[in-house]
N, C-alpha and C. Protein backbone atom coordinates (compact mmCIF):
# COMPACT_ATOMS: atom_id res chain seq x y z
N MET A 1 0.88 -1.14 0.06
CA MET A 1 -0.08 0.00 0.13
C MET A 1 0.95 1.33 -0.04
N ASN A 2 0.65 2.25 -0.97
CA ASN A 2 1.37 3.23 -0.92
C ASN A 2 0.33 4.47 -0.50
N VAL A 3 0.57 5.31 0.22
CA VAL A 3 -0.25 6.65 0.59
C VAL A 3 0.59 7.89 0.23
N LEU A 4 -0.10 8.52 -0.57
CA LEU A 4 0.30 9.73 -1.26
C LEU A 4 -0.54 10.75 -0.83
N THR A 5 0.13 11.81 -0.39
CA THR A 5 -0.68 13.14 0.11
C THR A 5 -0.12 14.44 -0.21
N ARG A 6 -0.79 15.32 -0.48
CA ARG A 6 -0.53 16.65 -0.37
C ARG A 6 -1.57 17.63 0.22
N THR A 7 -1.30 18.68 0.67
CA THR A 7 -2.14 19.80 1.07
C THR A 7 -2.25 20.98 0.15
N HIS A 8 -3.39 21.46 -0.26
CA HIS A 8 -3.69 22.75 -0.92
C HIS A 8 -4.86 23.43 -0.58
N GLN A 9 -4.82 24.79 -0.17
CA GLN A 9 -5.63 25.48 0.28
C GLN A 9 -6.68 24.94 1.27
N ASN A 10 -5.96 24.41 2.44
CA ASN A 10 -6.75 23.89 3.70
C ASN A 10 -7.57 22.47 3.17
N VAL A 11 -7.09 21.94 2.28
CA VAL A 11 -7.60 20.64 1.76
C VAL A 11 -6.50 19.55 1.96
N LEU A 12 -6.59 18.37 2.49
CA LEU A 12 -5.64 17.44 2.65
C LEU A 12 -6.09 16.25 1.39
N TYR A 13 -5.18 16.27 0.62
CA TYR A 13 -5.54 15.20 -0.57
C TYR A 13 -4.82 14.02 -0.29
N ILE A 14 -5.46 12.71 -0.20
CA ILE A 14 -4.76 11.40 -0.04
C ILE A 14 -5.14 10.38 -1.15
N ALA A 15 -4.15 9.63 -1.65
CA ALA A 15 -4.58 8.67 -2.61
C ALA A 15 -3.94 7.60 -2.17
N LEU A 16 -4.71 6.49 -2.19
CA LEU A 16 -4.37 5.25 -1.61
C LEU A 16 -4.19 4.37 -2.95
N ASP A 17 -2.92 3.73 -2.92
CA ASP A 17 -2.67 2.79 -4.21
C ASP A 17 -2.21 1.42 -3.72
N GLY A 18 -3.00 0.51 -4.06
CA GLY A 18 -2.56 -0.80 -3.69
C GLY A 18 -3.71 -1.66 -3.16
N GLU A 19 -3.42 -2.47 -2.14
CA GLU A 19 -4.78 -3.23 -1.46
C GLU A 19 -4.80 -2.70 -0.03
N LEU A 20 -6.08 -2.54 0.47
CA LEU A 20 -6.31 -2.26 1.72
C LEU A 20 -6.99 -3.46 2.55
N ASP A 21 -6.29 -4.21 3.01
CA ASP A 21 -6.67 -5.47 3.54
C ASP A 21 -6.04 -5.66 4.99
N GLU A 22 -6.27 -6.76 5.51
CA GLU A 22 -5.61 -7.19 6.86
C GLU A 22 -4.15 -7.05 7.03
N LYS A 23 -3.35 -7.31 5.55
CA LYS A 23 -1.86 -7.42 5.98
C LYS A 23 -1.50 -5.54 5.62
N THR A 24 -2.07 -4.85 5.16
CA THR A 24 -2.03 -3.60 4.93
C THR A 24 -2.55 -2.45 5.97
N ALA A 25 -3.65 -3.05 6.71
CA ALA A 25 -4.43 -2.08 7.44
C ALA A 25 -3.59 -1.30 8.35
N GLU A 26 -2.92 -2.06 9.28
CA GLU A 26 -2.22 -1.29 10.31
C GLU A 26 -1.34 -0.26 9.70
N TYR A 27 -0.61 -0.35 8.80
CA TYR A 27 0.33 0.51 8.25
C TYR A 27 -0.53 1.81 7.54
N THR A 28 -1.61 1.44 7.08
CA THR A 28 -2.52 2.27 6.35
C THR A 28 -3.11 3.40 7.36
N ARG A 29 -3.70 2.49 8.48
CA ARG A 29 -4.38 3.32 9.74
C ARG A 29 -3.10 4.23 10.26
N LEU A 30 -1.96 3.97 10.71
CA LEU A 30 -1.35 4.67 11.27
C LEU A 30 -0.82 5.78 10.30
N THR A 31 -0.49 5.61 9.12
CA THR A 31 -0.16 6.73 8.23
C THR A 31 -1.12 7.71 7.69
N LEU A 32 -2.65 7.13 7.75
CA LEU A 32 -3.61 8.12 7.60
C LEU A 32 -3.81 8.92 9.02
N GLU A 33 -3.79 8.36 10.01
CA GLU A 33 -3.92 8.90 11.17
C GLU A 33 -3.09 10.12 11.44
N GLN A 34 -1.66 9.76 11.32
CA GLN A 34 -0.75 10.71 11.48
C GLN A 34 -0.80 11.87 10.56
N THR A 35 -1.01 11.56 9.32
CA THR A 35 -1.20 12.50 8.21
C THR A 35 -2.33 13.37 8.34
N MET A 36 -3.55 12.81 8.60
CA MET A 36 -4.79 13.69 8.85
C MET A 36 -4.71 14.63 10.12
N LEU A 37 -3.96 14.17 11.29
CA LEU A 37 -4.08 14.64 12.48
C LEU A 37 -3.03 16.13 12.39
N ASN A 38 -2.00 15.79 11.76
CA ASN A 38 -0.79 16.79 11.31
C ASN A 38 -1.00 17.71 10.25
N ALA A 39 -2.03 17.65 9.30
CA ALA A 39 -2.19 18.45 8.14
C ALA A 39 -2.84 19.77 8.73
N ARG A 40 -3.78 19.60 9.71
CA ARG A 40 -4.80 20.91 10.27
C ARG A 40 -5.53 21.35 8.98
N ALA A 41 -6.22 20.40 7.87
CA ALA A 41 -6.84 20.65 7.02
C ALA A 41 -8.55 20.91 7.52
N LYS A 42 -9.07 21.71 6.76
CA LYS A 42 -10.52 21.75 6.97
C LYS A 42 -11.20 20.73 6.17
N GLN A 43 -10.96 20.12 5.41
CA GLN A 43 -11.48 19.07 4.77
C GLN A 43 -10.60 17.97 4.13
N ILE A 44 -10.84 16.63 3.95
CA ILE A 44 -9.97 15.76 3.44
C ILE A 44 -10.69 14.91 2.32
N VAL A 45 -9.77 14.74 1.11
CA VAL A 45 -10.33 14.15 0.03
C VAL A 45 -9.60 12.82 -0.19
N ILE A 46 -10.15 11.57 -0.19
CA ILE A 46 -9.62 10.41 -0.45
C ILE A 46 -9.82 9.73 -1.74
N ASP A 47 -8.67 9.81 -2.49
CA ASP A 47 -8.62 9.31 -4.04
C ASP A 47 -8.45 7.81 -3.94
N LEU A 48 -9.36 7.04 -4.41
CA LEU A 48 -9.39 5.65 -4.52
C LEU A 48 -9.39 5.01 -6.00
N ALA A 49 -8.83 5.94 -6.91
CA ALA A 49 -8.59 5.40 -8.19
C ALA A 49 -7.81 4.28 -8.35
N LYS A 50 -6.54 4.15 -7.68
CA LYS A 50 -5.65 3.05 -7.66
C LYS A 50 -5.75 1.95 -6.51
N LEU A 51 -6.78 1.83 -5.78
CA LEU A 51 -7.14 0.78 -4.81
C LEU A 51 -7.68 -0.27 -5.64
N SER A 52 -6.85 -1.29 -5.62
CA SER A 52 -7.19 -2.46 -6.19
C SER A 52 -7.94 -3.55 -5.59
N PHE A 53 -7.92 -3.43 -4.33
CA PHE A 53 -8.91 -4.20 -3.33
C PHE A 53 -9.02 -3.72 -1.98
N MET A 54 -10.27 -4.04 -1.57
CA MET A 54 -10.50 -3.44 -0.10
C MET A 54 -11.34 -4.65 0.56
N ASP A 55 -11.08 -5.04 1.73
CA ASP A 55 -12.03 -6.01 2.43
C ASP A 55 -12.56 -5.24 3.73
N SER A 56 -13.13 -5.88 4.58
CA SER A 56 -13.78 -5.42 5.59
C SER A 56 -12.78 -4.71 6.55
N THR A 57 -11.39 -5.23 6.73
CA THR A 57 -10.53 -4.41 7.40
C THR A 57 -10.32 -2.97 7.00
N GLY A 58 -10.40 -3.12 5.52
CA GLY A 58 -10.21 -1.81 4.91
C GLY A 58 -11.22 -0.61 5.27
N ILE A 59 -12.27 -1.44 5.25
CA ILE A 59 -13.66 -0.40 5.58
C ILE A 59 -13.54 -0.09 6.91
N GLY A 60 -12.91 -0.81 7.94
CA GLY A 60 -12.93 -0.74 9.22
C GLY A 60 -11.78 0.77 9.40
N VAL A 61 -10.86 0.69 8.69
CA VAL A 61 -9.67 1.65 8.59
C VAL A 61 -10.32 2.99 8.28
N LEU A 62 -10.97 2.83 7.16
CA LEU A 62 -11.69 4.22 6.69
C LEU A 62 -12.82 4.80 7.72
N LEU A 63 -13.54 4.01 8.30
CA LEU A 63 -14.48 4.24 9.27
C LEU A 63 -14.04 4.85 10.45
N GLY A 64 -12.88 4.38 10.84
CA GLY A 64 -12.14 4.65 12.09
C GLY A 64 -11.68 6.15 12.02
N ARG A 65 -11.07 6.58 10.61
CA ARG A 65 -10.54 7.85 10.35
C ARG A 65 -11.55 8.72 10.09
N TYR A 66 -12.96 8.31 9.80
CA TYR A 66 -14.10 9.11 9.45
C TYR A 66 -14.41 9.39 10.90
N LYS A 67 -14.49 8.79 11.92
CA LYS A 67 -15.19 9.04 13.27
C LYS A 67 -14.01 9.98 13.56
N LYS A 68 -12.70 9.73 13.78
CA LYS A 68 -11.86 10.60 14.31
C LYS A 68 -11.94 12.04 13.81
N MET A 69 -12.07 12.26 12.46
CA MET A 69 -12.25 13.48 11.89
C MET A 69 -13.54 14.22 12.22
N LYS A 70 -14.75 13.52 12.22
CA LYS A 70 -15.94 13.90 12.66
C LYS A 70 -15.70 14.64 14.02
N ASP A 71 -15.12 13.76 14.85
CA ASP A 71 -15.09 14.54 16.28
C ASP A 71 -14.48 15.92 15.97
N ARG A 72 -13.48 16.13 14.92
CA ARG A 72 -12.74 17.61 14.69
C ARG A 72 -13.45 18.34 13.86
N ARG A 73 -14.66 17.71 13.43
CA ARG A 73 -15.38 18.60 12.46
C ARG A 73 -14.97 18.65 10.88
N ILE A 74 -14.08 17.73 10.65
CA ILE A 74 -13.30 17.77 9.41
C ILE A 74 -14.14 16.77 8.61
N PRO A 75 -14.86 17.26 7.44
CA PRO A 75 -15.53 16.09 6.58
C PRO A 75 -14.41 15.36 5.60
N ILE A 76 -14.75 14.23 5.27
CA ILE A 76 -14.02 13.29 4.44
C ILE A 76 -14.80 13.12 3.08
N TYR A 77 -14.14 13.37 2.03
CA TYR A 77 -14.76 12.97 0.66
C TYR A 77 -14.14 11.91 0.05
N ILE A 78 -14.88 11.35 -0.97
CA ILE A 78 -14.03 9.92 -1.70
C ILE A 78 -14.05 10.39 -3.18
N ALA A 79 -13.07 10.35 -3.89
CA ALA A 79 -12.91 10.85 -5.07
C ALA A 79 -12.38 9.41 -5.93
N ASN A 80 -12.83 9.35 -7.33
CA ASN A 80 -12.31 8.33 -8.35
C ASN A 80 -12.48 6.94 -7.66
N PRO A 81 -13.29 6.49 -7.07
CA PRO A 81 -13.46 5.12 -6.53
C PRO A 81 -13.03 4.24 -7.79
N SER A 82 -12.35 3.13 -7.47
CA SER A 82 -12.06 1.96 -8.33
C SER A 82 -13.57 1.24 -8.57
N VAL A 83 -13.73 0.57 -9.42
CA VAL A 83 -14.84 -0.39 -9.51
C VAL A 83 -15.11 -1.07 -8.40
N GLN A 84 -14.22 -1.67 -7.87
CA GLN A 84 -14.36 -2.66 -6.42
C GLN A 84 -14.59 -1.65 -5.42
N ALA A 85 -14.17 -0.54 -5.06
CA ALA A 85 -14.58 0.41 -4.09
C ALA A 85 -15.85 1.05 -4.45
N GLU A 86 -16.08 1.21 -5.39
CA GLU A 86 -17.58 1.99 -5.62
C GLU A 86 -18.63 0.95 -5.40
N ARG A 87 -18.48 -0.48 -5.58
CA ARG A 87 -19.46 -1.35 -5.28
C ARG A 87 -19.40 -1.47 -3.71
N ILE A 88 -18.38 -1.52 -3.02
CA ILE A 88 -18.45 -1.55 -1.54
C ILE A 88 -18.96 -0.24 -1.01
N PHE A 89 -18.58 0.78 -1.38
CA PHE A 89 -19.31 2.04 -0.85
C PHE A 89 -20.70 2.14 -1.07
N GLN A 90 -21.38 1.63 -2.37
CA GLN A 90 -22.53 1.63 -2.50
C GLN A 90 -23.41 0.72 -1.67
N MET A 91 -22.82 -0.48 -1.68
CA MET A 91 -23.43 -1.62 -0.86
C MET A 91 -23.51 -1.27 0.58
N THR A 92 -22.62 -0.79 1.25
CA THR A 92 -22.43 -0.41 2.69
C THR A 92 -22.94 0.88 2.94
N GLY A 93 -23.50 1.78 2.10
CA GLY A 93 -23.94 3.16 2.53
C GLY A 93 -22.68 3.98 2.97
N LEU A 94 -21.57 3.84 2.75
CA LEU A 94 -20.55 4.81 3.09
C LEU A 94 -20.69 5.99 2.52
N TYR A 95 -21.27 6.10 1.33
CA TYR A 95 -21.39 7.36 0.64
C TYR A 95 -22.19 8.54 1.57
N LYS A 96 -23.11 7.82 2.33
CA LYS A 96 -23.85 8.69 3.21
C LYS A 96 -22.97 9.69 4.18
N ILE A 97 -21.88 8.83 4.59
CA ILE A 97 -21.08 9.70 5.62
C ILE A 97 -19.81 10.32 4.85
N MET A 98 -19.42 9.58 3.91
CA MET A 98 -18.26 10.14 3.14
C MET A 98 -18.62 10.21 1.63
N PRO A 99 -19.20 11.34 1.40
CA PRO A 99 -19.89 11.70 0.09
C PRO A 99 -18.78 11.43 -1.05
N LYS A 100 -19.08 11.18 -2.22
CA LYS A 100 -18.34 11.10 -3.69
C LYS A 100 -18.25 12.33 -4.14
N ILE A 101 -17.15 12.70 -4.68
CA ILE A 101 -16.89 13.88 -5.40
C ILE A 101 -16.34 13.52 -6.58
N LYS A 102 -16.18 14.43 -7.62
CA LYS A 102 -15.87 14.30 -9.11
C LYS A 102 -14.30 14.92 -9.01
N GLY A 103 -13.42 14.34 -9.98
CA GLY A 103 -12.41 15.07 -10.42
C GLY A 103 -10.95 14.35 -9.73
N ALA A 104 -9.91 14.62 -10.67
CA ALA A 104 -8.71 13.97 -10.28
C ALA A 104 -7.99 15.10 -9.06
N ILE A 105 -7.29 14.32 -8.24
CA ILE A 105 -6.90 14.94 -7.07
C ILE A 105 -5.26 15.08 -6.97
N LEU A 106 -4.70 14.07 -7.49
CA LEU A 106 -3.12 14.08 -7.31
C LEU A 106 -2.58 13.94 -8.52
């Protein structure tokens, strides 16, 4: 899993590249948490265009970061979901709490 980030105009942009599963969950969780807490952004956009696989552990990683940022009143948006991520977000209703936006970010 590669986690690419940049900040522009108080928006933290994060791109996940690889598989978000049990093997990569801890690294991804720690990286996202450290990046999100240190960025001091007003909103976060997570690009999933290069996310090739995500299981329930990956969903938990994203939900956990959502809850932490919600407590800080920082919304999270999803951009460019892969076909697999799109299915998961639609089936689970995750778009209700992390809305999908359009456009390339990184």
